[in-house]
C-alpha atoms as a PDB file:
ATOM      1  CA  MET A   1      21.508  -7.775 -15.099  1.00  0.00           C
ATOM      2  CA  HIS A   2      21.318  -7.651 -19.097  1.00  0.00           C
ATOM      3  CA  THR A   3      21.775  -4.365 -20.628  1.00  0.00           C
ATOM      4  CA  SER A   4      18.369  -4.478 -22.214  1.00  0.00           C
ATOM      5  CA  LEU A   5      16.650  -4.621 -18.746  1.00  0.00           C
ATOM      6  CA  GLN A   6      18.354  -2.083 -17.466  1.00  0.00           C
ATOM      7  CA  ASP A   7      17.406   0.434 -20.529  1.00  0.00           C
ATOM      8  CA  PHE A   8      13.820  -0.151 -20.076  1.00  0.00           C
ATOM      9  CA  SER A   9      13.718   0.128 -16.380  1.00  0.00           C
ATOM     10  CA  ARG A  10      15.691   3.576 -17.094  1.00  0.00           C
ATOM     11  CA  LYS A  11      13.246   4.351 -19.869  1.00  0.00           C
ATOM     12  CA  THR A  12      10.288   3.432 -18.345  1.00  0.00           C
ATOM     13  CA  ALA A  13      11.002   5.015 -14.894  1.00  0.00           C
ATOM     14  CA  SER A  14      12.077   8.271 -16.820  1.00  0.00           C
ATOM     15  CA  ALA A  15       9.190   8.364 -18.725  1.00  0.00           C
ATOM     16  CA  ILE A  16       6.005   7.850 -15.972  1.00  0.00           C
ATOM     17  CA  ALA A  17       8.652  10.701 -14.081  1.00  0.00           C
ATOM     18  CA  ASP A  18       8.604  13.231 -17.178  1.00  0.00           C
ATOM     19  CA  ARG A  19       4.484  12.700 -17.317  1.00  0.00           C
ATOM     20  CA  VAL A  20       4.211  13.309 -14.018  1.00  0.00           C
ATOM     21  CA  VAL A  21       6.255  16.657 -14.142  1.00  0.00           C
ATOM     22  CA  ARG A  22       4.229  17.668 -17.605  1.00  0.00           C
ATOM     23  CA  ALA A  23       0.499  16.873 -15.624  1.00  0.00           C
ATOM     24  CA  GLY A  24       2.361  19.492 -12.732  1.00  0.00           C
ATOM     25  CA  LEU A  25       2.447  16.907 -10.104  1.00  0.00           C
ATOM     26  CA  ALA A  26       5.183  15.925  -7.329  1.00  0.00           C
ATOM     27  CA  ALA A  27       6.300  12.659  -7.136  1.00  0.00           C
ATOM     28  CA  GLN A  28       6.658  12.568  -3.636  1.00  0.00           C
ATOM     29  CA  ARG A  29       2.543  13.171  -3.917  1.00  0.00           C
ATOM     30  CA  LEU A  30       1.729   9.803  -5.797  1.00  0.00           C
ATOM     31  CA  LEU A  31       1.902   6.245  -4.595  1.00  0.00           C
ATOM     32  CA  GLY A  32       1.689   3.336  -7.487  1.00  0.00           C
ATOM     33  CA  GLU A  33       0.049   0.001  -6.114  1.00  0.00           C
ATOM     34  CA  THR A  34       2.451  -2.840  -7.398  1.00  0.00           C
ATOM     35  CA  GLY A  35       0.656  -5.954  -6.670  1.00  0.00           C
ATOM     36  CA  GLU A  36       0.713  -7.832  -9.770  1.00  0.00           C
ATOM     37  CA  LEU A  37       4.512  -6.547 -10.175  1.00  0.00           C
ATOM     38  CA  VAL A  38       5.590  -7.280  -6.873  1.00  0.00           C
ATOM     39  CA  ASP A  39       4.539 -10.787  -7.410  1.00  0.00           C
ATOM     40  CA  VAL A  40       6.134 -11.229 -10.273  1.00  0.00           C
ATOM     41  CA  ALA A  41       9.137  -9.848  -9.028  1.00  0.00           C
ATOM     42  CA  LEU A  42       9.069 -12.913  -6.126  1.00  0.00           C
ATOM     43  CA  VAL A  43       9.762 -15.244  -8.593  1.00  0.00           C
ATOM     44  CA  LEU A  44      11.698 -13.624 -11.504  1.00  0.00           C
ATOM     45  CA  PRO A  45      15.115 -13.051 -11.263  1.00  0.00           C
ATOM     46  CA  PRO A  46      15.306  -9.996  -8.507  1.00  0.00           C
ATOM     47  CA  ALA A  47      17.192  -7.453 -10.778  1.00  0.00           C
ATOM     48  CA  ALA A  48      14.836  -7.324 -13.120  1.00  0.00           C
ATOM     49  CA  PRO A  49      11.417  -5.787 -11.733  1.00  0.00           C
ATOM     50  CA  LEU A  50      12.963  -4.817  -8.970  1.00  0.00           C
ATOM     51  CA  ASP A  51      15.188  -2.316 -10.686  1.00  0.00           C
ATOM     52  CA  LEU A  52      12.456  -0.209 -12.075  1.00  0.00           C
ATOM     53  CA  LEU A  53      10.620  -0.415  -8.732  1.00  0.00           C
ATOM     54  CA  THR A  54      13.964   0.851  -7.415  1.00  0.00           C
ATOM     55  CA  ARG A  55      14.206   3.385 -10.031  1.00  0.00           C
ATOM     56  CA  LEU A  56      11.002   5.105  -8.981  1.00  0.00           C
ATOM     57  CA  ARG A  57      11.307   5.299  -5.500  1.00  0.00           C
ATOM     58  CA  VAL A  58      14.605   7.003  -6.230  1.00  0.00           C
ATOM     59  CA  ARG A  59      12.598   9.241  -8.172  1.00  0.00           C
ATOM     60  CA  GLY A  60      10.702   9.763  -5.121  1.00  0.00           C
ATOM     61  CA  PHE A  61       7.301   7.710  -6.006  1.00  0.00           C
ATOM     62  CA  GLY A  62       5.760   6.419  -3.497  1.00  0.00           C
ATOM     63  CA  LEU A  63       5.345   1.997  -3.698  1.00  0.00           C
ATOM     64  CA  GLY A  64       2.655   0.119  -1.991  1.00  0.00           C
ATOM     65  CA  ILE A  65       1.626  -3.433  -2.081  1.00  0.00           C
ATOM     66  CA  ASP A  66      -2.379  -4.281  -2.001  1.00  0.00           C
ATOM     67  CA  GLY A  67      -3.992  -7.475  -0.896  1.00  0.00           C
ATOM     68  CA  PHE A  68      -1.315  -8.185   1.587  1.00  0.00           C
ATOM     69  CA  GLY A  69      -2.086 -11.103   3.700  1.00  0.00           C
ATOM     70  CA  THR A  70      -4.057 -13.176   0.994  1.00  0.00           C
ATOM     71  CA  ALA A  71      -0.984 -13.345  -1.656  1.00  0.00           C
ATOM     72  CA  HIS A  72       2.582 -15.044  -1.563  1.00  0.00           C
ATOM     73  CA  ALA A  73       4.229 -12.324   0.009  1.00  0.00           C
ATOM     74  CA  THR A  74       5.842 -12.989   3.431  1.00  0.00           C
ATOM     75  CA  LEU A  75       7.345 -10.186   5.689  1.00  0.00           C
ATOM     76  CA  GLN A  76      10.625 -10.754   4.929  1.00  0.00           C
ATOM     77  CA  GLU A  77      10.112 -10.587   1.162  1.00  0.00           C
ATOM     78  CA  LEU A  78       8.642  -7.501   1.637  1.00  0.00           C
ATOM     79  CA  GLU A  79      12.127  -6.590   2.911  1.00  0.00           C
ATOM     80  CA  ARG A  80      13.295  -6.862  -0.571  1.00  0.00           C
ATOM     81  CA  LEU A  81      11.014  -4.566  -1.799  1.00  0.00           C
ATOM     82  CA  PRO A  82      11.645  -0.938  -2.392  1.00  0.00           C
ATOM     83  CA  LEU A  83       8.013   0.274  -0.906  1.00  0.00           C
ATOM     84  CA  THR A  84       6.692   2.772   1.457  1.00  0.00           C
ATOM     85  CA  GLU A  85       3.030   1.102   1.922  1.00  0.00           C
ATOM     86  CA  VAL A  86       1.311  -1.926   2.329  1.00  0.00           C
ATOM     87  CA  LYS A  87      -2.769  -2.385   2.180  1.00  0.00           C
ATOM     88  CA  ILE A  88      -3.627  -5.145   4.358  1.00  0.00           C
ATOM     89  CA  ALA A  89      -6.047  -6.958   2.502  1.00  0.00           C
ATOM     90  CA  ALA A  90     -10.220  -6.979   3.571  1.00  0.00           C
ATOM     91  CA  ASP A  91     -10.200 -10.760   4.664  1.00  0.00           C
ATOM     92  CA  ALA A  92      -7.196  -9.836   7.390  1.00  0.00           C
ATOM     93  CA  LEU A  93      -8.780  -7.122   8.880  1.00  0.00           C
ATOM     94  CA  ALA A  94     -11.986  -9.402   9.141  1.00  0.00           C
ATOM     95  CA  ARG A  95     -10.981 -12.449  10.502  1.00  0.00           C
ATOM     96  CA  GLY A  96      -9.054  -9.882  13.398  1.00  0.00           C
ATOM     97  CA  THR A  97     -12.531  -8.868  14.344  1.00  0.00           C
ATOM     98  CA  ALA A  98     -13.723 -12.362  14.499  1.00  0.00           C
ATOM     99  CA  SER A  99     -11.390 -13.464  17.914  1.00  0.00           C
ATOM    100  CA  ALA A 100      -8.806 -11.991  20.098  1.00  0.00           C
ATOM    101  CA  ARG A 101      -6.702 -14.654  18.883  1.00  0.00           C
ATOM    102  CA  GLY A 102      -7.391 -12.980  15.086  1.00  0.00           C
ATOM    103  CA  ALA A 103      -6.653  -9.164  16.689  1.00  0.00           C
ATOM    104  CA  GLU A 104      -3.462 -10.448  17.987  1.00  0.00           C
ATOM    105  CA  ALA A 105      -2.378 -11.859  14.889  1.00  0.00           C
ATOM    106  CA  PHE A 106      -3.645  -8.687  12.735  1.00  0.00           C
ATOM    107  CA  GLY A 107      -2.217  -6.117  15.982  1.00  0.00           C
ATOM    108  CA  ALA A 108       1.553  -8.281  15.565  1.00  0.00           C
ATOM    109  CA  THR A 109       1.246  -8.190  11.421  1.00  0.00           C
ATOM    110  CA  VAL A 110       1.001  -4.350  11.721  1.00  0.00           C
ATOM    111  CA  GLN A 111       3.696  -3.983  13.788  1.00  0.00           C
ATOM    112  CA  ALA A 112       6.277  -6.076  12.224  1.00  0.00           C
ATOM    113  CA  LEU A 113       4.909  -3.838   8.958  1.00  0.00           C
ATOM    114  CA  ARG A 114       5.773  -0.615  10.758  1.00  0.00           C
ATOM    115  CA  ASP A 115       8.430  -2.046  12.129  1.00  0.00           C
ATOM    116  CA  GLN A 116       9.922  -1.992   8.325  1.00  0.00           C
ATOM    117  CA  GLY A 117       9.279   1.449   8.319  1.00  0.00           C
ATOM    118  CA  LEU A 118       5.725   0.789   6.372  1.00  0.00           C
ATOM    119  CA  ASP A 119       2.769   3.132   6.271  1.00  0.00           C
ATOM    120  CA  VAL A 120      -0.321   0.667   6.871  1.00  0.00           C
ATOM    121  CA  VAL A 121      -3.360   1.101   5.575  1.00  0.00           C
ATOM    122  CA  CYS A 122      -6.216  -1.100   6.519  1.00  0.00           C
ATOM    123  CA  ASP A 123      -8.493  -1.794   3.432  1.00  0.00           C
ATOM    124  CA  GLY A 124     -12.193  -3.171   4.103  1.00  0.00           C
ATOM    125  CA  CYS A 125     -12.850  -1.024   7.307  1.00  0.00           C
ATOM    126  CA  ASP A 126     -16.531  -1.743   7.449  1.00  0.00           C
ATOM    127  CA  SER A 127     -18.007  -1.391  10.634  1.00  0.00           C
ATOM    128  CA  PRO A 128     -16.996   0.367  14.099  1.00  0.00           C
ATOM    129  CA  ALA A 129     -15.167  -2.738  15.084  1.00  0.00           C
ATOM    130  CA  GLU A 130     -12.720  -2.854  12.219  1.00  0.00           C
ATOM    131  CA  TRP A 131     -12.077   0.658  12.631  1.00  0.00           C
ATOM    132  CA  GLU A 132     -11.549  -0.142  16.214  1.00  0.00           C
ATOM    133  CA  LEU A 133      -8.995  -2.743  15.271  1.00  0.00           C
ATOM    134  CA  ALA A 134      -7.200  -0.560  12.955  1.00  0.00           C
ATOM    135  CA  LEU A 135      -6.719   2.268  15.516  1.00  0.00           C
ATOM    136  CA  GLN A 136      -5.636   0.118  18.220  1.00  0.00           C
ATOM    137  CA  ALA A 137      -2.696  -1.776  15.731  1.00  0.00           C
ATOM    138  CA  GLY A 138      -1.477   1.323  14.869  1.00  0.00           C
ATOM    139  CA  CYS A 139      -3.075   1.953  11.221  1.00  0.00           C
ATOM    140  CA  ARG A 140      -2.730   5.194  10.106  1.00  0.00           C
ATOM    141  CA  ARG A 141      -4.873   5.023   7.337  1.00  0.00           C
ATOM    142  CA  ALA A 142      -8.082   2.880   6.084  1.00  0.00           C
ATOM    143  CA  GLN A 143     -10.371   2.384   3.781  1.00  0.00           C
ATOM    144  CA  GLY A 144     -13.913   1.211   3.699  1.00  0.00           C
ATOM    145  CA  ALA A 145     -17.527   1.414   3.801  1.00  0.00           C
ATOM    146  CA  PHE A 146     -17.287   2.941   7.275  1.00  0.00           C
ATOM    147  CA  VAL A 147     -14.810   5.123   6.786  1.00  0.00           C
ATOM    148  CA  GLY A 148     -16.347   6.601   3.791  1.00  0.00           C
ATOM    149  CA  PRO A 149     -17.428   5.367   0.121  1.00  0.00           C
ATOM    150  CA  PRO A 150     -15.001   6.540  -3.109  1.00  0.00           C
ATOM    151  CA  LEU A 151     -15.457  10.408  -4.031  1.00  0.00           C
ATOM    152  CA  ALA A 152     -14.882  12.571  -6.572  1.00  0.00           C
ATOM    153  CA  PRO A 153     -12.658  15.718  -5.354  1.00  0.00           C
ATOM    154  CA  GLU A 154     -15.923  18.033  -5.233  1.00  0.00           C
ATOM    155  CA  ASP A 155     -17.771  15.606  -3.050  1.00  0.00           C
ATOM    156  CA  LEU A 156     -15.284  16.122  -0.525  1.00  0.00           C
ATOM    157  CA  ALA A 157     -16.671  18.651   1.522  1.00  0.00           C
ATOM    158  CA  THR A 158     -20.157  17.425   1.807  1.00  0.00           C
ATOM    159  CA  TRP A 159     -19.159  13.866   3.014  1.00  0.00           C
ATOM    160  CA  LEU A 160     -17.015  15.993   5.529  1.00  0.00           C
ATOM    161  CA  ARG A 161     -19.770  18.025   6.731  1.00  0.00           C
ATOM    162  CA  THR A 162     -22.200  14.280   7.031  1.00  0.00           C
ATOM    163  CA  TRP A 163     -19.592  11.988   8.259  1.00  0.00           C
ATOM    164  CA  SER A 164     -20.279  10.815  11.637  1.00  0.00           C
ATOM    165  CA  GLY A 165     -17.335   7.973  12.206  1.00  0.00           C
ATOM    166  CA  VAL A 166     -14.678   9.073  15.034  1.00  0.00           C
ATOM    167  CA  LEU A 167     -11.671  11.016  14.067  1.00  0.00           C
END
């Protein structure tokens, strides 16, 4: 890889890490979603964007891809990336609840991702059926209307007291 790209990756990773430390945060507590960068990484020479992602992972940052199942990335291509998390697209979860065959495909996808050592998040968990499918498939985290709306930190305690979902 060209030296200027290595310098760019090194300087960018250092700048991000330094800002996180100055803010009093730990890199291990942060996750960057790399959706657009991953799509670019899959069509460019592998060393350029992957170098930056790898440097961030080495510094302890989590890296995730958003919308898996709707873009160009395949399970095999994900193996090349230093990811810690994959967020499955809401469309994939909805297809999983539409039929037994869809549920099987969804479950197999989740299992394949977990076999790669990735945490799997289900996006678009908007109904009890989607929640149940996510749990049965082995997803440890979900987001969507059934789970709860986006909240400010100060509103979390109130939401927890009133939520009627299944824990």
